[in-house]
Structures are given as C-alpha cells and as structure tokens.
Amino acid sequence: MSRIGRIPVKLLDGVTAEYKDNIVTVKGPLGQLQTKILNDRINVEIKDGEIHVTRMDDIKTSRAAHGMYRAIIANMVKGVKDGYSKGLVISGVGYKAAVSGNKLTMSLGYSHPIEVIAPEGIKFECPSITEIKVSGIDKELVGQVASDIRSKRKPEPYHGYGVRYSDEVILRKAGKANSKK
C-alpha cells in the first residue's frame, strides 16, 4: 500500500471539492483548480470533509499513480486556500529586476533587457531590485515559471553571479591558484 496514497486529504476551511467524469475540481478562497485522473484504476471519493484516493489493483502503473494523484490533490487543496510562492535572488554587478503590470523586466548583463510575461494565475513581485517573488495557486506552475526565470542566467560557480532560488546554496569554486615555487 502506498504510504502517501493511503493518507486522506483533509478539506480545509472554505475549500470544497467535486469529482465528476474523472475530473477533480477544488474550489477555495483564492480560486479554482482542476485535474484529470488519467488512470482509470484510480478512484477518488469525497466524504466527511476528506478526499480518499484508492486504487483497484496492484499493477505497477496503479501503484505509481496512487501516491502521485493523492499528492497532486493535496497540493490543489493547499493552493486554493493559502497559495504558493517561490523566491529568487539576483546577484551581480548591475543585475536588477522590476515589475510593471504582469511583466517582469530584468537586466542580467546581456546587451538587452530580459522580459518575462506572467502566465494566467501567476503574480510577480519585486520587494527590492535584487529580489523576485513568484506566487500563485498552482504549485506546478509557480515552480515552472520560477525555473524559467532562473534559466535566463544560471548562477556561475566562481562569483555566484546570476539568478538563484532564495534558499539555494551555490558551491563556490576556487579561482586560479597563485603558486609560489
């Protein structure tokens, strides 16, 4: 039995869920999310303020999908209630970021500014010119957008210049060693 899949997902205050035609819809104060259950051997039941995810058999694909769908549903419930955010830090001489509307503009040492337009459901914030906060209700989308921003200038190992996650640690390499003979 899946250790993750067997744990029921508790519906938080103000969150409602519905399962119809292999689609799980979760509504909350921040919005609505839905996902399609692609494996027909996975059952979803909503009762007593909890969502139970079960599987019909012990086939390898069913075992793999069991925990995955339970985790996706749990992330949806938390997302519509509290939301998710990911922090990014820009470090480097002259590197900076600014937000105007739904567009993030970054100067990352290239000859041109880098512009990223926020997809539907994502919000950018810049508490300072070297910090970026990506927030939204969909955990997968927040992580993907933050990863796309980081990929514009990955941190380099010698000085640490570039865009990194706020909790990421960059292992520094030693530069050229000055050898004395």
N, C-alpha and C. Protein backbone atom coordinates (compact mmCIF):
# COMPACT_ATOMS: atom_id res chain seq x y z
N MET A 1 0.85 -1.19 0.00
CA MET A 1 0.00 0.00 0.00
C MET A 1 0.88 1.24 0.00
N SER A 2 0.51 2.22 -0.77
CA SER A 2 1.27 3.45 -0.86
C SER A 2 1.19 4.21 0.46
N ARG A 3 2.35 4.61 0.97
CA ARG A 3 2.36 5.35 2.23
C ARG A 3 1.74 6.73 2.07
N ILE A 4 1.96 7.33 0.92
CA ILE A 4 1.38 8.65 0.67
C ILE A 4 -0.07 8.52 0.23
N GLY A 5 -0.36 7.60 -0.66
CA GLY A 5 -1.69 7.46 -1.24
C GLY A 5 -2.77 7.09 -0.25
N ARG A 6 -2.43 6.37 0.80
CA ARG A 6 -3.47 5.93 1.74
C ARG A 6 -3.90 7.01 2.72
N ILE A 7 -3.13 8.09 2.83
CA ILE A 7 -3.48 9.17 3.75
C ILE A 7 -4.58 10.03 3.13
N PRO A 8 -5.71 10.21 3.81
CA PRO A 8 -6.77 11.05 3.23
C PRO A 8 -6.36 12.53 3.22
N VAL A 9 -6.87 13.27 2.25
CA VAL A 9 -6.61 14.70 2.15
C VAL A 9 -7.76 15.42 2.85
N LYS A 10 -7.44 16.17 3.89
CA LYS A 10 -8.47 16.91 4.63
C LYS A 10 -8.80 18.20 3.89
N LEU A 11 -10.09 18.46 3.72
CA LEU A 11 -10.52 19.70 3.10
C LEU A 11 -10.44 20.82 4.14
N LEU A 12 -9.69 21.85 3.83
CA LEU A 12 -9.51 22.97 4.76
C LEU A 12 -10.76 23.83 4.79
N ASP A 13 -10.84 24.75 5.75
CA ASP A 13 -12.00 25.64 5.87
C ASP A 13 -12.16 26.47 4.60
N GLY A 14 -13.35 26.50 4.06
CA GLY A 14 -13.64 27.30 2.88
C GLY A 14 -13.27 26.61 1.57
N VAL A 15 -12.85 25.36 1.62
CA VAL A 15 -12.45 24.64 0.41
C VAL A 15 -13.48 23.54 0.15
N THR A 16 -13.93 23.45 -1.09
CA THR A 16 -14.85 22.40 -1.50
C THR A 16 -14.25 21.62 -2.66
N ALA A 17 -14.61 20.36 -2.76
CA ALA A 17 -14.09 19.50 -3.82
C ALA A 17 -15.23 18.75 -4.49
N GLU A 18 -15.02 18.41 -5.75
CA GLU A 18 -16.01 17.69 -6.52
C GLU A 18 -15.28 16.74 -7.47
N TYR A 19 -15.81 15.51 -7.60
CA TYR A 19 -15.23 14.52 -8.51
C TYR A 19 -16.31 14.07 -9.47
N LYS A 20 -16.10 14.36 -10.77
CA LYS A 20 -17.10 14.01 -11.77
C LYS A 20 -16.39 13.76 -13.10
N ASP A 21 -16.70 12.65 -13.75
CA ASP A 21 -16.13 12.29 -15.05
C ASP A 21 -14.61 12.29 -15.04
N ASN A 22 -14.00 11.70 -14.02
CA ASN A 22 -12.55 11.59 -13.85
C ASN A 22 -11.87 12.95 -13.73
N ILE A 23 -12.59 13.97 -13.34
CA ILE A 23 -12.00 15.30 -13.13
C ILE A 23 -12.25 15.71 -11.69
N VAL A 24 -11.17 16.04 -10.98
CA VAL A 24 -11.26 16.53 -9.61
C VAL A 24 -11.20 18.05 -9.67
N THR A 25 -12.21 18.72 -9.12
CA THR A 25 -12.27 20.17 -9.09
C THR A 25 -12.24 20.62 -7.63
N VAL A 26 -11.30 21.51 -7.32
CA VAL A 26 -11.17 22.03 -5.95
C VAL A 26 -11.36 23.54 -6.02
N LYS A 27 -12.30 24.06 -5.19
CA LYS A 27 -12.58 25.49 -5.15
C LYS A 27 -12.27 26.01 -3.76
N GLY A 28 -11.69 27.20 -3.71
CA GLY A 28 -11.34 27.80 -2.44
C GLY A 28 -11.38 29.31 -2.52
N PRO A 29 -10.94 29.99 -1.46
CA PRO A 29 -11.00 31.45 -1.44
C PRO A 29 -10.10 32.11 -2.49
N LEU A 30 -9.03 31.47 -2.90
CA LEU A 30 -8.12 32.08 -3.87
C LEU A 30 -8.43 31.73 -5.31
N GLY A 31 -9.28 30.74 -5.55
CA GLY A 31 -9.61 30.38 -6.92
C GLY A 31 -10.02 28.93 -7.05
N GLN A 32 -9.89 28.41 -8.26
CA GLN A 32 -10.33 27.05 -8.57
C GLN A 32 -9.25 26.34 -9.37
N LEU A 33 -9.00 25.07 -9.04
CA LEU A 33 -8.07 24.23 -9.77
C LEU A 33 -8.75 22.92 -10.12
N GLN A 34 -8.34 22.33 -11.22
CA GLN A 34 -8.87 21.01 -11.56
C GLN A 34 -7.79 20.18 -12.22
N THR A 35 -7.92 18.87 -12.05
CA THR A 35 -7.01 17.93 -12.69
C THR A 35 -7.80 16.72 -13.16
N LYS A 36 -7.31 16.13 -14.23
CA LYS A 36 -7.97 14.94 -14.79
C LYS A 36 -7.20 13.71 -14.32
N ILE A 37 -7.93 12.72 -13.82
CA ILE A 37 -7.33 11.45 -13.42
C ILE A 37 -7.24 10.59 -14.67
N LEU A 38 -6.03 10.40 -15.18
CA LEU A 38 -5.84 9.69 -16.44
C LEU A 38 -5.82 8.18 -16.29
N ASN A 39 -5.56 7.68 -15.08
CA ASN A 39 -5.53 6.25 -14.83
C ASN A 39 -6.92 5.81 -14.39
N ASP A 40 -7.56 4.92 -15.16
CA ASP A 40 -8.93 4.51 -14.83
C ASP A 40 -8.97 3.52 -13.67
N ARG A 41 -7.84 3.13 -13.14
CA ARG A 41 -7.80 2.21 -11.99
C ARG A 41 -7.66 2.96 -10.65
N ILE A 42 -7.74 4.29 -10.70
CA ILE A 42 -7.67 5.12 -9.50
C ILE A 42 -9.06 5.68 -9.23
N ASN A 43 -9.52 5.50 -7.99
CA ASN A 43 -10.81 6.02 -7.55
C ASN A 43 -10.60 7.19 -6.60
N VAL A 44 -11.49 8.17 -6.67
CA VAL A 44 -11.47 9.30 -5.76
C VAL A 44 -12.84 9.39 -5.11
N GLU A 45 -12.86 9.42 -3.78
CA GLU A 45 -14.11 9.56 -3.04
C GLU A 45 -14.01 10.77 -2.14
N ILE A 46 -15.09 11.54 -2.08
CA ILE A 46 -15.15 12.70 -1.21
C ILE A 46 -16.24 12.45 -0.19
N LYS A 47 -15.84 12.32 1.09
CA LYS A 47 -16.83 12.09 2.15
C LYS A 47 -16.28 12.58 3.48
N ASP A 48 -17.17 13.09 4.31
CA ASP A 48 -16.84 13.56 5.66
C ASP A 48 -15.72 14.60 5.68
N GLY A 49 -15.68 15.48 4.69
CA GLY A 49 -14.66 16.53 4.67
C GLY A 49 -13.27 16.03 4.33
N GLU A 50 -13.18 14.86 3.70
CA GLU A 50 -11.89 14.29 3.32
C GLU A 50 -11.98 13.73 1.90
N ILE A 51 -10.85 13.73 1.23
CA ILE A 51 -10.76 13.12 -0.09
C ILE A 51 -9.92 11.87 0.04
N HIS A 52 -10.49 10.74 -0.35
CA HIS A 52 -9.80 9.45 -0.28
C HIS A 52 -9.44 9.01 -1.70
N VAL A 53 -8.18 8.70 -1.91
CA VAL A 53 -7.71 8.20 -3.21
C VAL A 53 -7.37 6.73 -3.02
N THR A 54 -8.00 5.87 -3.81
CA THR A 54 -7.76 4.43 -3.71
C THR A 54 -7.44 3.88 -5.09
N ARG A 55 -6.85 2.70 -5.10
CA ARG A 55 -6.57 2.03 -6.38
C ARG A 55 -7.28 0.68 -6.39
N MET A 56 -7.57 0.20 -7.59
CA MET A 56 -8.34 -1.04 -7.72
C MET A 56 -7.47 -2.29 -7.67
N ASP A 57 -6.20 -2.18 -8.03
CA ASP A 57 -5.34 -3.36 -8.10
C ASP A 57 -3.90 -2.99 -7.76
N ASP A 58 -3.01 -3.96 -7.85
CA ASP A 58 -1.61 -3.73 -7.52
C ASP A 58 -0.69 -3.74 -8.74
N ILE A 59 -1.23 -3.36 -9.89
CA ILE A 59 -0.39 -3.23 -11.08
C ILE A 59 0.59 -2.08 -10.86
N LYS A 60 1.78 -2.20 -11.42
CA LYS A 60 2.83 -1.21 -11.19
C LYS A 60 2.38 0.21 -11.53
N THR A 61 1.68 0.41 -12.64
CA THR A 61 1.24 1.76 -13.00
C THR A 61 0.20 2.31 -12.02
N SER A 62 -0.63 1.43 -11.49
CA SER A 62 -1.62 1.87 -10.50
C SER A 62 -0.94 2.26 -9.20
N ARG A 63 0.05 1.48 -8.79
CA ARG A 63 0.80 1.81 -7.56
C ARG A 63 1.52 3.14 -7.71
N ALA A 64 2.10 3.38 -8.90
CA ALA A 64 2.82 4.62 -9.12
C ALA A 64 1.87 5.82 -9.15
N ALA A 65 0.71 5.66 -9.77
CA ALA A 65 -0.23 6.77 -9.90
C ALA A 65 -0.96 7.07 -8.59
N HIS A 66 -1.08 6.09 -7.72
CA HIS A 66 -1.84 6.24 -6.47
C HIS A 66 -1.29 7.40 -5.63
N GLY A 67 -0.03 7.34 -5.29
CA GLY A 67 0.57 8.39 -4.47
C GLY A 67 0.67 9.71 -5.21
N MET A 68 0.92 9.64 -6.51
CA MET A 68 1.06 10.86 -7.29
C MET A 68 -0.23 11.67 -7.31
N TYR A 69 -1.36 11.01 -7.59
CA TYR A 69 -2.63 11.73 -7.64
C TYR A 69 -3.04 12.25 -6.27
N ARG A 70 -2.74 11.51 -5.23
CA ARG A 70 -3.05 11.99 -3.88
C ARG A 70 -2.24 13.25 -3.58
N ALA A 71 -0.95 13.27 -3.96
CA ALA A 71 -0.10 14.44 -3.73
C ALA A 71 -0.58 15.63 -4.56
N ILE A 72 -0.99 15.39 -5.79
CA ILE A 72 -1.49 16.48 -6.65
C ILE A 72 -2.75 17.09 -6.04
N ILE A 73 -3.65 16.24 -5.56
CA ILE A 73 -4.90 16.74 -4.95
C ILE A 73 -4.61 17.51 -3.67
N ALA A 74 -3.67 17.01 -2.86
CA ALA A 74 -3.29 17.72 -1.63
C ALA A 74 -2.69 19.08 -1.95
N ASN A 75 -1.88 19.16 -3.00
CA ASN A 75 -1.30 20.45 -3.41
C ASN A 75 -2.38 21.40 -3.91
N MET A 76 -3.40 20.87 -4.58
CA MET A 76 -4.50 21.70 -5.05
C MET A 76 -5.28 22.28 -3.87
N VAL A 77 -5.54 21.46 -2.86
CA VAL A 77 -6.30 21.91 -1.68
C VAL A 77 -5.52 23.01 -0.96
N LYS A 78 -4.22 22.82 -0.77
CA LYS A 78 -3.41 23.83 -0.10
C LYS A 78 -3.28 25.08 -0.95
N GLY A 79 -3.20 24.93 -2.27
CA GLY A 79 -3.03 26.07 -3.16
C GLY A 79 -4.23 26.99 -3.19
N VAL A 80 -5.45 26.44 -3.23
CA VAL A 80 -6.63 27.30 -3.28
C VAL A 80 -6.92 27.95 -1.93
N LYS A 81 -6.34 27.41 -0.87
CA LYS A 81 -6.53 28.00 0.46
C LYS A 81 -5.45 29.05 0.76
N ASP A 82 -4.17 28.67 0.61
CA ASP A 82 -3.06 29.54 1.01
C ASP A 82 -2.24 30.08 -0.16
N GLY A 83 -2.13 29.32 -1.24
CA GLY A 83 -1.30 29.73 -2.36
C GLY A 83 0.14 29.29 -2.17
N TYR A 84 0.94 29.44 -3.21
CA TYR A 84 2.35 29.07 -3.18
C TYR A 84 3.18 30.25 -3.65
N SER A 85 4.41 30.32 -3.18
CA SER A 85 5.32 31.36 -3.67
C SER A 85 6.73 30.81 -3.69
N LYS A 86 7.52 31.35 -4.58
CA LYS A 86 8.91 30.94 -4.75
C LYS A 86 9.73 32.22 -4.84
N GLY A 87 10.80 32.30 -4.08
CA GLY A 87 11.65 33.48 -4.07
C GLY A 87 12.90 33.28 -4.91
N LEU A 88 13.30 34.31 -5.62
CA LEU A 88 14.52 34.31 -6.43
C LEU A 88 15.37 35.50 -6.02
N VAL A 89 16.68 35.33 -6.09
CA VAL A 89 17.62 36.39 -5.75
C VAL A 89 18.55 36.61 -6.94
N ILE A 90 18.74 37.87 -7.30
CA ILE A 90 19.65 38.22 -8.39
C ILE A 90 20.92 38.78 -7.77
N SER A 91 22.07 38.25 -8.17
CA SER A 91 23.33 38.80 -7.68
C SER A 91 24.28 39.02 -8.85
N GLY A 92 24.90 40.16 -8.87
CA GLY A 92 25.83 40.52 -9.92
C GLY A 92 25.87 42.03 -10.08
N VAL A 93 26.96 42.52 -10.60
CA VAL A 93 27.13 43.96 -10.77
C VAL A 93 26.18 44.45 -11.86
N GLY A 94 25.29 45.35 -11.49
CA GLY A 94 24.33 45.91 -12.44
C GLY A 94 23.13 45.05 -12.72
N TYR A 95 23.03 43.88 -12.09
CA TYR A 95 21.88 43.00 -12.30
C TYR A 95 20.72 43.51 -11.46
N LYS A 96 19.54 43.62 -12.08
CA LYS A 96 18.37 44.10 -11.34
C LYS A 96 17.09 43.65 -12.02
N ALA A 97 15.98 43.81 -11.31
CA ALA A 97 14.68 43.41 -11.82
C ALA A 97 13.64 44.45 -11.44
N ALA A 98 12.60 44.55 -12.27
CA ALA A 98 11.49 45.46 -11.99
C ALA A 98 10.21 44.84 -12.57
N VAL A 99 9.08 45.14 -11.92
CA VAL A 99 7.79 44.63 -12.36
C VAL A 99 6.92 45.80 -12.78
N SER A 100 6.29 45.66 -13.94
CA SER A 100 5.29 46.64 -14.37
C SER A 100 4.10 45.86 -14.90
N GLY A 101 3.00 45.90 -14.15
CA GLY A 101 1.81 45.13 -14.51
C GLY A 101 2.07 43.65 -14.34
N ASN A 102 1.93 42.88 -15.43
CA ASN A 102 2.21 41.45 -15.35
C ASN A 102 3.51 41.09 -16.07
N LYS A 103 4.38 42.09 -16.26
CA LYS A 103 5.64 41.86 -16.97
C LYS A 103 6.82 42.10 -16.04
N LEU A 104 7.73 41.14 -16.01
CA LEU A 104 8.96 41.24 -15.24
C LEU A 104 10.09 41.58 -16.21
N THR A 105 10.82 42.65 -15.92
CA THR A 105 11.94 43.07 -16.76
C THR A 105 13.21 42.96 -15.94
N MET A 106 14.20 42.24 -16.49
CA MET A 106 15.45 42.01 -15.77
C MET A 106 16.64 42.47 -16.61
N SER A 107 17.63 43.06 -15.94
CA SER A 107 18.92 43.37 -16.55
C SER A 107 19.90 42.37 -15.99
N LEU A 108 20.39 41.47 -16.84
CA LEU A 108 21.23 40.37 -16.37
C LEU A 108 22.59 40.32 -17.06
N GLY A 109 23.09 41.49 -17.49
CA GLY A 109 24.41 41.53 -18.08
C GLY A 109 24.43 41.30 -19.58
N TYR A 110 23.28 41.12 -20.19
CA TYR A 110 23.21 40.97 -21.64
C TYR A 110 23.09 42.37 -22.25
N SER A 111 23.17 42.45 -23.56
CA SER A 111 23.06 43.74 -24.25
C SER A 111 21.61 44.24 -24.30
N HIS A 112 20.66 43.40 -23.89
CA HIS A 112 19.25 43.75 -23.94
C HIS A 112 18.58 43.31 -22.64
N PRO A 113 17.48 43.96 -22.27
CA PRO A 113 16.75 43.51 -21.08
C PRO A 113 15.98 42.22 -21.37
N ILE A 114 15.84 41.40 -20.35
CA ILE A 114 15.08 40.15 -20.45
C ILE A 114 13.68 40.43 -19.91
N GLU A 115 12.65 40.11 -20.69
CA GLU A 115 11.27 40.33 -20.27
C GLU A 115 10.55 39.01 -20.17
N VAL A 116 9.83 38.83 -19.07
CA VAL A 116 9.03 37.62 -18.84
C VAL A 116 7.61 38.07 -18.54
N ILE A 117 6.66 37.57 -19.31
CA ILE A 117 5.25 37.90 -19.09
C ILE A 117 4.63 36.80 -18.23
N ALA A 118 3.92 37.20 -17.19
CA ALA A 118 3.32 36.24 -16.26
C ALA A 118 2.17 35.50 -16.92
N PRO A 119 2.18 34.16 -16.88
CA PRO A 119 1.03 33.42 -17.40
C PRO A 119 -0.20 33.61 -16.50
N GLU A 120 -1.33 33.17 -16.98
CA GLU A 120 -2.58 33.29 -16.21
C GLU A 120 -2.43 32.60 -14.86
N GLY A 121 -2.74 33.31 -13.78
CA GLY A 121 -2.69 32.73 -12.45
C GLY A 121 -1.38 32.95 -11.72
N ILE A 122 -0.42 33.65 -12.33
CA ILE A 122 0.88 33.91 -11.70
C ILE A 122 1.03 35.40 -11.48
N LYS A 123 1.63 35.76 -10.34
CA LYS A 123 1.84 37.16 -10.00
C LYS A 123 3.30 37.36 -9.64
N PHE A 124 3.92 38.41 -10.18
CA PHE A 124 5.31 38.75 -9.87
C PHE A 124 5.33 39.91 -8.89
N GLU A 125 6.30 39.88 -7.97
CA GLU A 125 6.56 40.99 -7.06
C GLU A 125 8.06 41.18 -6.95
N CYS A 126 8.49 42.41 -6.75
CA CYS A 126 9.91 42.72 -6.52
C CYS A 126 10.02 43.53 -5.23
N PRO A 127 10.26 42.87 -4.09
CA PRO A 127 10.42 43.62 -2.84
C PRO A 127 11.62 44.57 -2.89
N SER A 128 12.67 44.19 -3.60
CA SER A 128 13.81 45.07 -3.86
C SER A 128 14.27 44.80 -5.29
N ILE A 129 15.26 45.54 -5.76
CA ILE A 129 15.67 45.38 -7.16
C ILE A 129 16.43 44.08 -7.39
N THR A 130 16.83 43.39 -6.32
CA THR A 130 17.55 42.13 -6.48
C THR A 130 16.75 40.93 -6.00
N GLU A 131 15.48 41.11 -5.70
CA GLU A 131 14.63 40.01 -5.24
C GLU A 131 13.38 39.92 -6.12
N ILE A 132 13.00 38.68 -6.42
CA ILE A 132 11.79 38.42 -7.19
C ILE A 132 10.96 37.40 -6.43
N LYS A 133 9.66 37.62 -6.37
CA LYS A 133 8.76 36.66 -5.73
C LYS A 133 7.72 36.25 -6.76
N VAL A 134 7.64 34.95 -7.03
CA VAL A 134 6.66 34.39 -7.95
C VAL A 134 5.59 33.71 -7.11
N SER A 135 4.33 34.08 -7.28
CA SER A 135 3.27 33.49 -6.46
C SER A 135 2.06 33.14 -7.31
N GLY A 136 1.29 32.17 -6.80
CA GLY A 136 0.09 31.71 -7.48
C GLY A 136 -0.53 30.56 -6.71
N ILE A 137 -1.62 29.98 -7.25
CA ILE A 137 -2.29 28.89 -6.53
C ILE A 137 -1.88 27.51 -7.04
N ASP A 138 -1.28 27.45 -8.23
CA ASP A 138 -0.88 26.18 -8.82
C ASP A 138 0.60 25.93 -8.53
N LYS A 139 0.90 24.95 -7.70
CA LYS A 139 2.28 24.69 -7.28
C LYS A 139 3.18 24.36 -8.46
N GLU A 140 2.68 23.56 -9.38
CA GLU A 140 3.48 23.17 -10.55
C GLU A 140 3.82 24.38 -11.42
N LEU A 141 2.85 25.24 -11.65
CA LEU A 141 3.06 26.41 -12.49
C LEU A 141 4.00 27.41 -11.84
N VAL A 142 3.87 27.62 -10.53
CA VAL A 142 4.77 28.53 -9.81
C VAL A 142 6.21 28.04 -9.92
N GLY A 143 6.42 26.75 -9.71
CA GLY A 143 7.77 26.19 -9.81
C GLY A 143 8.33 26.27 -11.22
N GLN A 144 7.49 26.04 -12.23
CA GLN A 144 7.95 26.10 -13.62
C GLN A 144 8.33 27.51 -14.03
N VAL A 145 7.53 28.50 -13.65
CA VAL A 145 7.83 29.89 -14.00
C VAL A 145 9.11 30.34 -13.29
N ALA A 146 9.26 29.97 -12.02
CA ALA A 146 10.49 30.33 -11.29
C ALA A 146 11.71 29.67 -11.94
N SER A 147 11.56 28.44 -12.39
CA SER A 147 12.66 27.75 -13.07
C SER A 147 12.99 28.42 -14.40
N ASP A 148 11.99 28.87 -15.12
CA ASP A 148 12.22 29.56 -16.39
C ASP A 148 12.98 30.87 -16.16
N ILE A 149 12.61 31.61 -15.11
CA ILE A 149 13.32 32.86 -14.80
C ILE A 149 14.76 32.56 -14.42
N ARG A 150 14.98 31.53 -13.62
CA ARG A 150 16.34 31.17 -13.20
C ARG A 150 17.19 30.77 -14.41
N SER A 151 16.58 30.15 -15.41
CA SER A 151 17.33 29.68 -16.57
C SER A 151 17.82 30.82 -17.46
N LYS A 152 17.32 32.04 -17.27
CA LYS A 152 17.77 33.18 -18.07
C LYS A 152 19.23 33.53 -17.78
N ARG A 153 19.69 33.31 -16.55
CA ARG A 153 21.09 33.50 -16.19
C ARG A 153 21.36 32.65 -14.95
N LYS A 154 21.77 31.40 -15.19
CA LYS A 154 22.04 30.50 -14.07
C LYS A 154 23.24 31.00 -13.27
N PRO A 155 23.26 30.74 -11.96
CA PRO A 155 24.39 31.21 -11.16
C PRO A 155 25.69 30.51 -11.55
N GLU A 156 26.74 31.28 -11.65
CA GLU A 156 28.02 30.69 -12.01
C GLU A 156 28.81 30.38 -10.73
N PRO A 157 29.69 29.39 -10.76
CA PRO A 157 30.31 28.89 -9.53
C PRO A 157 31.48 29.70 -8.99
N TYR A 158 32.00 30.68 -9.71
CA TYR A 158 33.18 31.40 -9.24
C TYR A 158 32.83 32.62 -8.40
N HIS A 159 31.89 33.44 -8.86
CA HIS A 159 31.48 34.62 -8.10
C HIS A 159 30.05 34.51 -7.59
N GLY A 160 29.27 33.55 -8.13
CA GLY A 160 27.88 33.39 -7.72
C GLY A 160 26.94 34.34 -8.44
N TYR A 161 27.40 34.99 -9.52
CA TYR A 161 26.55 35.90 -10.27
C TYR A 161 25.45 35.13 -10.98
N GLY A 162 24.29 35.72 -11.06
CA GLY A 162 23.18 35.10 -11.77
C GLY A 162 21.90 35.13 -10.95
N VAL A 163 20.92 34.34 -11.37
CA VAL A 163 19.63 34.25 -10.68
C VAL A 163 19.58 32.91 -9.98
N ARG A 164 19.30 32.93 -8.68
CA ARG A 164 19.21 31.69 -7.91
C ARG A 164 17.96 31.73 -7.04
N TYR A 165 17.54 30.55 -6.58
CA TYR A 165 16.44 30.49 -5.63
C TYR A 165 16.90 31.09 -4.30
N SER A 166 15.98 31.62 -3.53
CA SER A 166 16.37 32.28 -2.28
C SER A 166 16.94 31.30 -1.25
N ASP A 167 16.55 30.03 -1.34
CA ASP A 167 17.07 29.04 -0.39
C ASP A 167 18.17 28.17 -1.01
N GLU A 168 18.63 28.51 -2.21
CA GLU A 168 19.64 27.72 -2.90
C GLU A 168 21.04 28.14 -2.43
N VAL A 169 21.90 27.15 -2.26
CA VAL A 169 23.28 27.40 -1.87
C VAL A 169 24.16 27.11 -3.08
N ILE A 170 24.96 28.08 -3.47
CA ILE A 170 25.87 27.92 -4.60
C ILE A 170 27.23 27.50 -4.07
N LEU A 171 27.69 26.33 -4.51
CA LEU A 171 29.02 25.88 -4.11
C LEU A 171 30.04 26.65 -4.93
N ARG A 172 30.91 27.34 -4.25
CA ARG A 172 31.90 28.17 -4.94
C ARG A 172 33.14 27.36 -5.25
N LYS A 173 33.71 27.65 -6.42
CA LYS A 173 34.97 27.05 -6.82
C LYS A 173 36.09 28.04 -6.54
N ALA A 174 37.27 27.52 -6.29
CA ALA A 174 38.43 28.40 -6.13
C ALA A 174 38.84 28.87 -7.52
N GLY A 175 39.29 30.11 -7.60
CA GLY A 175 39.77 30.64 -8.87
C GLY A 175 41.15 30.09 -9.16
N LYS A 176 41.89 30.79 -9.99
CA LYS A 176 43.24 30.37 -10.29
C LYS A 176 44.10 30.50 -9.05
N ALA A 177 44.79 29.45 -8.73
CA ALA A 177 45.67 29.47 -7.55
C ALA A 177 46.99 30.10 -7.93
N ASN A 178 47.47 30.95 -7.07
CA ASN A 178 48.75 31.59 -7.29
C ASN A 178 49.82 30.70 -6.69
N SER A 179 50.52 29.96 -7.53
CA SER A 179 51.51 29.03 -6.99
C SER A 179 52.87 29.71 -6.87
N LYS A 180 53.50 29.50 -5.73
CA LYS A 180 54.83 30.05 -5.49
C LYS A 180 55.83 28.89 -5.46
N LYS A 181 56.90 29.04 -6.22
CA LYS A 181 57.89 27.97 -6.27
C LYS A 181 59.15 28.34 -5.61
